[in-house]
């Protein structure tokens, strides 16, 4: 059974210019089974796309919401979907 999912999360707050994308990548690499990216959006949010086992994506989402992140997270909106693949690892965009 394939329990891989795709998490897309939009993180709002003071999350650009503070190392948030680097921290997100480091966290995803620490979890170890995720691929995807963290990228800045023009409106000041950071978009995080992660694919992998659902429990690991949920762990990343929990860290985005409640972890000791750089900057300040005011909120996270997420959607779940089917993985599309194509990510060689977890990168910063």
N, C-alpha and C. Protein backbone atom coordinates (compact mmCIF):
# COMPACT_ATOMS: atom_id res chain seq x y z
N UNK A 1 0.85 -1.19 0.00
CA UNK A 1 0.00 0.00 0.00
C UNK A 1 0.89 1.24 0.00
N UNK A 2 0.57 2.19 -0.86
CA UNK A 2 1.32 3.43 -0.96
C UNK A 2 0.61 4.50 -0.14
N UNK A 3 1.24 4.90 0.96
CA UNK A 3 0.63 5.90 1.82
C UNK A 3 1.27 7.27 1.63
N UNK A 4 1.96 7.47 0.49
CA UNK A 4 2.57 8.76 0.22
C UNK A 4 1.52 9.79 -0.15
N UNK A 5 1.74 11.02 0.29
CA UNK A 5 0.82 12.12 0.04
C UNK A 5 1.62 13.34 -0.38
N UNK A 6 0.91 14.36 -0.81
CA UNK A 6 1.50 15.66 -1.13
C UNK A 6 0.88 16.69 -0.20
N UNK A 7 1.71 17.37 0.54
CA UNK A 7 1.29 18.47 1.41
C UNK A 7 1.73 19.77 0.76
N UNK A 8 0.80 20.69 0.58
CA UNK A 8 1.15 22.05 0.18
C UNK A 8 0.69 22.95 1.31
N UNK A 9 1.64 23.71 1.86
CA UNK A 9 1.34 24.59 2.99
C UNK A 9 1.80 26.01 2.67
N UNK A 10 0.98 26.96 3.05
CA UNK A 10 1.32 28.37 2.92
C UNK A 10 1.48 28.93 4.32
N UNK A 11 2.69 29.43 4.60
CA UNK A 11 3.02 29.92 5.94
C UNK A 11 3.06 31.44 5.90
N UNK A 12 2.28 32.06 6.78
CA UNK A 12 2.26 33.52 6.81
C UNK A 12 2.80 34.02 8.15
N UNK A 13 3.31 35.23 8.11
CA UNK A 13 3.94 35.85 9.27
C UNK A 13 5.23 36.51 8.81
N UNK A 14 6.18 36.62 9.72
CA UNK A 14 7.50 37.16 9.35
C UNK A 14 8.38 35.96 9.03
N UNK A 15 8.28 35.48 7.78
CA UNK A 15 8.93 34.22 7.40
C UNK A 15 9.87 34.38 6.20
N UNK A 16 10.07 35.60 5.73
CA UNK A 16 11.03 35.83 4.65
C UNK A 16 12.19 36.65 5.19
N UNK A 17 13.40 36.28 4.76
CA UNK A 17 14.59 37.01 5.19
C UNK A 17 15.07 36.67 6.59
N UNK A 18 14.58 35.55 7.13
CA UNK A 18 14.93 35.18 8.51
C UNK A 18 15.47 33.75 8.60
N UNK A 19 15.72 33.09 7.46
CA UNK A 19 16.21 31.72 7.46
C UNK A 19 15.13 30.66 7.53
N UNK A 20 13.89 31.06 7.30
CA UNK A 20 12.77 30.11 7.43
C UNK A 20 12.84 28.98 6.41
N UNK A 21 13.17 29.33 5.16
CA UNK A 21 13.25 28.27 4.13
C UNK A 21 14.38 27.30 4.45
N UNK A 22 15.53 27.82 4.88
CA UNK A 22 16.65 26.96 5.27
C UNK A 22 16.22 26.04 6.40
N UNK A 23 15.56 26.58 7.41
CA UNK A 23 15.11 25.80 8.56
C UNK A 23 14.12 24.72 8.11
N UNK A 24 13.22 25.08 7.19
CA UNK A 24 12.24 24.11 6.70
C UNK A 24 12.95 22.97 5.98
N UNK A 25 13.91 23.30 5.13
CA UNK A 25 14.67 22.27 4.43
C UNK A 25 15.41 21.38 5.42
N UNK A 26 16.08 21.98 6.40
CA UNK A 26 16.82 21.20 7.41
C UNK A 26 15.88 20.28 8.17
N UNK A 27 14.69 20.76 8.49
CA UNK A 27 13.71 19.95 9.20
C UNK A 27 13.24 18.78 8.33
N UNK A 28 12.96 19.06 7.05
CA UNK A 28 12.53 17.99 6.14
C UNK A 28 13.63 16.95 5.98
N UNK A 29 14.88 17.40 5.88
CA UNK A 29 15.99 16.45 5.75
C UNK A 29 16.17 15.64 7.03
N UNK A 30 15.91 16.25 8.18
CA UNK A 30 15.99 15.53 9.45
C UNK A 30 14.93 14.44 9.53
N UNK A 31 13.72 14.75 9.05
CA UNK A 31 12.66 13.73 9.00
C UNK A 31 13.10 12.60 8.08
N UNK A 32 13.72 12.96 6.97
CA UNK A 32 14.45 11.99 6.16
C UNK A 32 13.74 11.35 4.99
N UNK A 33 12.45 11.42 4.91
CA UNK A 33 11.74 10.70 3.84
C UNK A 33 10.97 11.64 2.92
N UNK A 34 11.21 12.94 3.04
CA UNK A 34 10.40 13.91 2.31
C UNK A 34 11.17 14.50 1.14
N UNK A 35 10.46 14.79 0.07
CA UNK A 35 11.02 15.54 -1.05
C UNK A 35 10.09 16.71 -1.31
N UNK A 36 10.62 17.74 -1.96
CA UNK A 36 9.82 18.92 -2.26
C UNK A 36 10.65 20.17 -2.17
N UNK A 37 10.02 21.26 -1.72
CA UNK A 37 10.73 22.54 -1.66
C UNK A 37 10.04 23.52 -0.72
N UNK A 38 10.77 24.56 -0.36
CA UNK A 38 10.24 25.73 0.34
C UNK A 38 10.63 26.94 -0.49
N UNK A 39 9.66 27.78 -0.82
CA UNK A 39 9.93 28.94 -1.66
C UNK A 39 9.18 30.17 -1.20
N UNK A 40 9.80 31.33 -1.39
CA UNK A 40 9.16 32.60 -1.08
C UNK A 40 8.10 32.93 -2.11
N UNK A 41 7.01 33.53 -1.66
CA UNK A 41 5.97 34.05 -2.54
C UNK A 41 6.03 35.58 -2.51
N UNK A 42 5.53 36.20 -3.57
CA UNK A 42 5.58 37.66 -3.68
C UNK A 42 4.81 38.38 -2.57
N UNK A 43 3.82 37.71 -1.98
CA UNK A 43 3.00 38.36 -0.95
C UNK A 43 3.57 38.23 0.46
N UNK A 44 4.80 37.70 0.59
CA UNK A 44 5.44 37.61 1.90
C UNK A 44 5.31 36.25 2.57
N UNK A 45 4.51 35.37 2.00
CA UNK A 45 4.37 34.03 2.57
C UNK A 45 5.47 33.12 2.04
N UNK A 46 5.61 31.97 2.69
CA UNK A 46 6.47 30.90 2.18
C UNK A 46 5.57 29.72 1.84
N UNK A 47 5.78 29.17 0.64
CA UNK A 47 5.04 27.97 0.22
C UNK A 47 5.94 26.77 0.44
N UNK A 48 5.40 25.75 1.10
CA UNK A 48 6.13 24.51 1.34
C UNK A 48 5.37 23.39 0.65
N UNK A 49 6.06 22.66 -0.21
CA UNK A 49 5.49 21.47 -0.84
C UNK A 49 6.33 20.29 -0.38
N UNK A 50 5.68 19.31 0.23
CA UNK A 50 6.39 18.12 0.71
C UNK A 50 5.64 16.88 0.28
N UNK A 51 6.39 15.92 -0.23
CA UNK A 51 5.81 14.63 -0.61
C UNK A 51 6.53 13.53 0.15
N UNK A 52 5.76 12.56 0.59
CA UNK A 52 6.31 11.43 1.32
C UNK A 52 5.22 10.76 2.14
N UNK A 53 5.62 9.89 3.06
CA UNK A 53 4.63 9.22 3.91
C UNK A 53 3.80 10.24 4.70
N UNK A 54 2.51 10.00 4.79
CA UNK A 54 1.61 10.95 5.45
C UNK A 54 2.05 11.29 6.88
N UNK A 55 2.47 10.32 7.71
CA UNK A 55 2.88 10.70 9.06
C UNK A 55 4.07 11.67 9.07
N UNK A 56 4.97 11.53 8.09
CA UNK A 56 6.12 12.43 8.03
C UNK A 56 5.71 13.81 7.54
N UNK A 57 4.79 13.89 6.61
CA UNK A 57 4.26 15.19 6.18
C UNK A 57 3.52 15.87 7.32
N UNK A 58 2.77 15.09 8.10
CA UNK A 58 2.06 15.65 9.25
C UNK A 58 3.06 16.16 10.29
N UNK A 59 4.17 15.46 10.44
CA UNK A 59 5.21 15.90 11.38
C UNK A 59 5.80 17.24 10.93
N UNK A 60 6.09 17.39 9.64
CA UNK A 60 6.61 18.65 9.13
C UNK A 60 5.58 19.76 9.34
N UNK A 61 4.32 19.49 9.05
CA UNK A 61 3.27 20.49 9.22
C UNK A 61 3.18 20.92 10.69
N UNK A 62 3.27 19.97 11.60
CA UNK A 62 3.23 20.30 13.03
C UNK A 62 4.41 21.19 13.39
N UNK A 63 5.61 20.89 12.85
CA UNK A 63 6.79 21.72 13.12
C UNK A 63 6.61 23.11 12.53
N UNK A 64 5.98 23.22 11.34
CA UNK A 64 5.72 24.54 10.76
C UNK A 64 4.81 25.36 11.66
N UNK A 65 3.85 24.70 12.27
CA UNK A 65 2.87 25.41 13.11
C UNK A 65 3.38 25.68 14.52
N UNK A 66 4.12 24.75 15.08
CA UNK A 66 4.42 24.83 16.51
C UNK A 66 5.89 24.73 16.85
N UNK A 67 6.75 24.58 15.85
CA UNK A 67 8.17 24.41 16.12
C UNK A 67 8.85 25.73 16.45
N UNK A 68 10.10 25.64 16.82
CA UNK A 68 10.91 26.81 17.13
C UNK A 68 11.49 27.35 15.82
N UNK A 69 10.60 27.95 15.01
CA UNK A 69 10.98 28.41 13.68
C UNK A 69 11.67 29.77 13.76
N UNK A 70 12.49 30.07 12.76
CA UNK A 70 13.01 31.43 12.65
C UNK A 70 11.87 32.39 12.31
N UNK A 71 12.00 33.63 12.71
CA UNK A 71 10.95 34.61 12.40
C UNK A 71 9.74 34.40 13.28
N UNK A 72 8.57 34.60 12.69
CA UNK A 72 7.32 34.45 13.44
C UNK A 72 6.25 33.89 12.51
N UNK A 73 5.65 32.79 12.88
CA UNK A 73 4.58 32.18 12.11
C UNK A 73 3.25 32.64 12.69
N UNK A 74 2.44 33.32 11.86
CA UNK A 74 1.12 33.76 12.30
C UNK A 74 0.04 32.74 11.94
N UNK A 75 0.31 31.89 10.96
CA UNK A 75 -0.67 30.89 10.58
C UNK A 75 -0.18 30.06 9.41
N UNK A 76 -0.77 28.88 9.28
CA UNK A 76 -0.43 27.96 8.20
C UNK A 76 -1.73 27.43 7.62
N UNK A 77 -1.85 27.51 6.30
CA UNK A 77 -2.98 26.93 5.59
C UNK A 77 -2.44 25.78 4.75
N UNK A 78 -3.11 24.64 4.79
CA UNK A 78 -2.60 23.49 4.02
C UNK A 78 -3.69 22.81 3.23
N UNK A 79 -3.23 22.16 2.15
CA UNK A 79 -4.09 21.27 1.39
C UNK A 79 -3.32 19.97 1.19
N UNK A 80 -4.06 18.89 1.04
CA UNK A 80 -3.46 17.56 0.86
C UNK A 80 -3.86 17.05 -0.51
N UNK A 81 -2.96 16.29 -1.12
CA UNK A 81 -3.25 15.75 -2.43
C UNK A 81 -2.42 14.51 -2.72
N UNK A 82 -2.47 14.11 -3.97
CA UNK A 82 -1.74 12.94 -4.45
C UNK A 82 -0.34 13.40 -4.88
N UNK A 83 0.71 12.65 -4.51
CA UNK A 83 2.06 13.06 -4.91
C UNK A 83 2.21 13.09 -6.43
N UNK A 84 2.97 14.07 -6.92
CA UNK A 84 3.23 14.20 -8.34
C UNK A 84 4.63 13.74 -8.70
N UNK A 85 5.52 13.69 -7.71
CA UNK A 85 6.90 13.27 -7.96
C UNK A 85 7.71 14.34 -8.65
N UNK A 86 8.91 13.96 -9.03
CA UNK A 86 9.77 14.88 -9.75
C UNK A 86 10.71 15.69 -8.89
N UNK A 87 10.71 15.48 -7.59
CA UNK A 87 11.61 16.20 -6.70
C UNK A 87 12.75 15.27 -6.31
N UNK A 88 13.99 15.64 -6.64
CA UNK A 88 15.14 14.77 -6.31
C UNK A 88 15.47 14.77 -4.81
N UNK A 89 15.02 15.76 -4.11
CA UNK A 89 15.28 15.89 -2.67
C UNK A 89 14.41 17.01 -2.14
N UNK A 90 14.88 17.69 -1.12
CA UNK A 90 14.13 18.84 -0.59
C UNK A 90 15.00 20.07 -0.78
N UNK A 91 14.48 21.04 -1.52
CA UNK A 91 15.32 22.19 -1.88
C UNK A 91 14.68 23.52 -1.49
N UNK A 92 15.49 24.54 -1.57
CA UNK A 92 15.04 25.91 -1.34
C UNK A 92 14.89 26.56 -2.71
N UNK A 93 13.77 27.23 -2.90
CA UNK A 93 13.54 27.94 -4.18
C UNK A 93 13.39 29.42 -3.91
